[in-house]
Amino acid sequence: MYATIAAAKQVNFNGNINNYMTTEGYTKLAGAPTGYMVQVSGSNRWRRVYCIQRSNSGTHYININGFVQPVCIFDIYSAVKKTNNLT
């Protein structure tokens, strides 16, 4: 079950992305931060979206009080378009 996205925005990640990657180009087990932040329905807090990639496709998720909650990347794209008033 995906988290319900209320709003999303693009925010640059200012850290060193190489700390989250393996030498093969995949992410470490904790995942890598992306350039997206989301608000879940019923919360005012902005949460960073992470991606864990162990093969050709990645899984995007957020951390809510220590629990991993998957998010749909297409919901994030739609929310960013709404936030930026794009059609």
C-alpha atoms as a PDB file:
ATOM      1  CA  MET A   1       0.000   0.000   0.000  1.00  0.00           C
ATOM      2  CA  TYR A   2       1.466   3.309  -1.083  1.00  0.00           C
ATOM      3  CA  ALA A   3       1.487   6.408   1.107  1.00  0.00           C
ATOM      4  CA  THR A   4      -1.096   9.050   0.144  1.00  0.00           C
ATOM      5  CA  ILE A   5       0.792  12.114  -1.095  1.00  0.00           C
ATOM      6  CA  ALA A   6      -0.772  15.488  -0.256  1.00  0.00           C
ATOM      7  CA  ALA A   7       1.995  17.691  -1.720  1.00  0.00           C
ATOM      8  CA  ALA A   8       5.453  17.297  -3.205  1.00  0.00           C
ATOM      9  CA  LYS A   9       8.345  19.541  -4.137  1.00  0.00           C
ATOM     10  CA  GLN A  10      11.773  19.268  -5.688  1.00  0.00           C
ATOM     11  CA  VAL A  11      14.613  20.075  -3.296  1.00  0.00           C
ATOM     12  CA  ASN A  12      18.273  19.542  -4.108  1.00  0.00           C
ATOM     13  CA  PHE A  13      20.135  17.064  -1.933  1.00  0.00           C
ATOM     14  CA  ASN A  14      23.271  18.846  -0.741  1.00  0.00           C
ATOM     15  CA  GLY A  15      25.079  15.847   0.738  1.00  0.00           C
ATOM     16  CA  ASN A  16      27.557  13.521  -0.929  1.00  0.00           C
ATOM     17  CA  ILE A  17      25.457  11.019  -2.915  1.00  0.00           C
ATOM     18  CA  ASN A  18      28.492   8.711  -3.231  1.00  0.00           C
ATOM     19  CA  ASN A  19      28.145   7.866   0.472  1.00  0.00           C
ATOM     20  CA  TYR A  20      24.904   6.069  -0.397  1.00  0.00           C
ATOM     21  CA  MET A  21      26.145   4.126  -3.430  1.00  0.00           C
ATOM     22  CA  THR A  22      28.106   0.906  -3.890  1.00  0.00           C
ATOM     23  CA  THR A  23      31.015   0.552  -6.298  1.00  0.00           C
ATOM     24  CA  GLU A  24      28.687  -1.295  -8.703  1.00  0.00           C
ATOM     25  CA  GLY A  25      26.392   1.740  -8.949  1.00  0.00           C
ATOM     26  CA  TYR A  26      23.528   0.394  -6.840  1.00  0.00           C
ATOM     27  CA  THR A  27      22.347   1.913  -3.585  1.00  0.00           C
ATOM     28  CA  LYS A  28      23.373   0.665  -0.195  1.00  0.00           C
ATOM     29  CA  LEU A  29      20.725  -1.136   1.825  1.00  0.00           C
ATOM     30  CA  ALA A  30      19.490   2.075   3.482  1.00  0.00           C
ATOM     31  CA  GLY A  31      18.750   3.648   0.089  1.00  0.00           C
ATOM     32  CA  ALA A  32      19.827   6.978  -1.372  1.00  0.00           C
ATOM     33  CA  PRO A  33      18.097  10.329  -0.903  1.00  0.00           C
ATOM     34  CA  THR A  34      16.381  11.767  -3.970  1.00  0.00           C
ATOM     35  CA  GLY A  35      15.620  15.330  -4.968  1.00  0.00           C
ATOM     36  CA  TYR A  36      11.996  15.061  -3.822  1.00  0.00           C
ATOM     37  CA  MET A  37      10.256  15.845  -0.561  1.00  0.00           C
ATOM     38  CA  VAL A  38       6.621  14.961   0.121  1.00  0.00           C
ATOM     39  CA  GLN A  39       3.884  15.666   2.616  1.00  0.00           C
ATOM     40  CA  VAL A  40       1.701  12.729   3.540  1.00  0.00           C
ATOM     41  CA  SER A  41      -2.028  13.322   3.969  1.00  0.00           C
ATOM     42  CA  GLY A  42      -2.784  14.327   7.545  1.00  0.00           C
ATOM     43  CA  SER A  43       0.731  15.646   8.273  1.00  0.00           C
ATOM     44  CA  ASN A  44       2.424  19.038   7.948  1.00  0.00           C
ATOM     45  CA  ARG A  45       5.931  17.581   7.919  1.00  0.00           C
ATOM     46  CA  TRP A  46       8.012  17.416   4.737  1.00  0.00           C
ATOM     47  CA  ARG A  47       9.753  14.069   4.352  1.00  0.00           C
ATOM     48  CA  ARG A  48      12.657  13.187   2.063  1.00  0.00           C
ATOM     49  CA  VAL A  49      11.985  10.487  -0.546  1.00  0.00           C
ATOM     50  CA  TYR A  50      14.620   7.754  -0.691  1.00  0.00           C
ATOM     51  CA  CYS A  51      15.280   5.220  -3.430  1.00  0.00           C
ATOM     52  CA  ILE A  52      16.712   1.763  -2.951  1.00  0.00           C
ATOM     53  CA  GLN A  53      17.943   0.118  -6.115  1.00  0.00           C
ATOM     54  CA  ARG A  54      19.214  -3.426  -6.163  1.00  0.00           C
ATOM     55  CA  SER A  55      18.573  -4.250  -9.847  1.00  0.00           C
ATOM     56  CA  ASN A  56      17.254  -2.400 -12.897  1.00  0.00           C
ATOM     57  CA  SER A  57      14.382  -0.674 -11.103  1.00  0.00           C
ATOM     58  CA  GLY A  58      14.265   1.208  -7.832  1.00  0.00           C
ATOM     59  CA  THR A  59      11.729   1.418  -5.017  1.00  0.00           C
ATOM     60  CA  HIS A  60      10.912   4.854  -3.622  1.00  0.00           C
ATOM     61  CA  TYR A  61       9.973   5.194   0.028  1.00  0.00           C
ATOM     62  CA  ILE A  62       9.731   7.584   2.965  1.00  0.00           C
ATOM     63  CA  ASN A  63      10.526   6.985   6.609  1.00  0.00           C
ATOM     64  CA  ILE A  64       7.609   7.654   8.986  1.00  0.00           C
ATOM     65  CA  ASN A  65       8.525   7.276  12.657  1.00  0.00           C
ATOM     66  CA  GLY A  66      10.979   4.483  11.918  1.00  0.00           C
ATOM     67  CA  PHE A  67       8.673   2.625   9.518  1.00  0.00           C
ATOM     68  CA  VAL A  68       9.341   2.410   5.792  1.00  0.00           C
ATOM     69  CA  GLN A  69       6.358   3.471   3.688  1.00  0.00           C
ATOM     70  CA  PRO A  70       6.591   3.009  -0.106  1.00  0.00           C
ATOM     71  CA  VAL A  71       5.511   5.879  -2.341  1.00  0.00           C
ATOM     72  CA  CYS A  72       4.497   5.812  -5.990  1.00  0.00           C
ATOM     73  CA  ILE A  73       6.826   7.941  -8.099  1.00  0.00           C
ATOM     74  CA  PHE A  74       3.950   8.833 -10.431  1.00  0.00           C
ATOM     75  CA  ASP A  75       2.008  10.279  -7.478  1.00  0.00           C
ATOM     76  CA  ILE A  76       5.048  12.399  -6.658  1.00  0.00           C
ATOM     77  CA  TYR A  77       5.303  13.663 -10.253  1.00  0.00           C
ATOM     78  CA  SER A  78       1.589  14.555 -10.235  1.00  0.00           C
ATOM     79  CA  ALA A  79       1.884  16.382  -6.912  1.00  0.00           C
ATOM     80  CA  VAL A  80       4.931  18.360  -8.106  1.00  0.00           C
ATOM     81  CA  LYS A  81       3.003  19.430 -11.203  1.00  0.00           C
ATOM     82  CA  LYS A  82       0.106  20.617  -9.015  1.00  0.00           C
ATOM     83  CA  THR A  83       2.454  22.440  -6.643  1.00  0.00           C
ATOM     84  CA  ASN A  84       4.145  24.224  -9.568  1.00  0.00           C
ATOM     85  CA  ASN A  85       0.799  24.879 -11.317  1.00  0.00           C
ATOM     86  CA  LEU A  86       1.812  22.858 -14.363  1.00  0.00           C
ATOM     87  CA  THR A  87      -0.699  20.903 -16.372  1.00  0.00           C
END
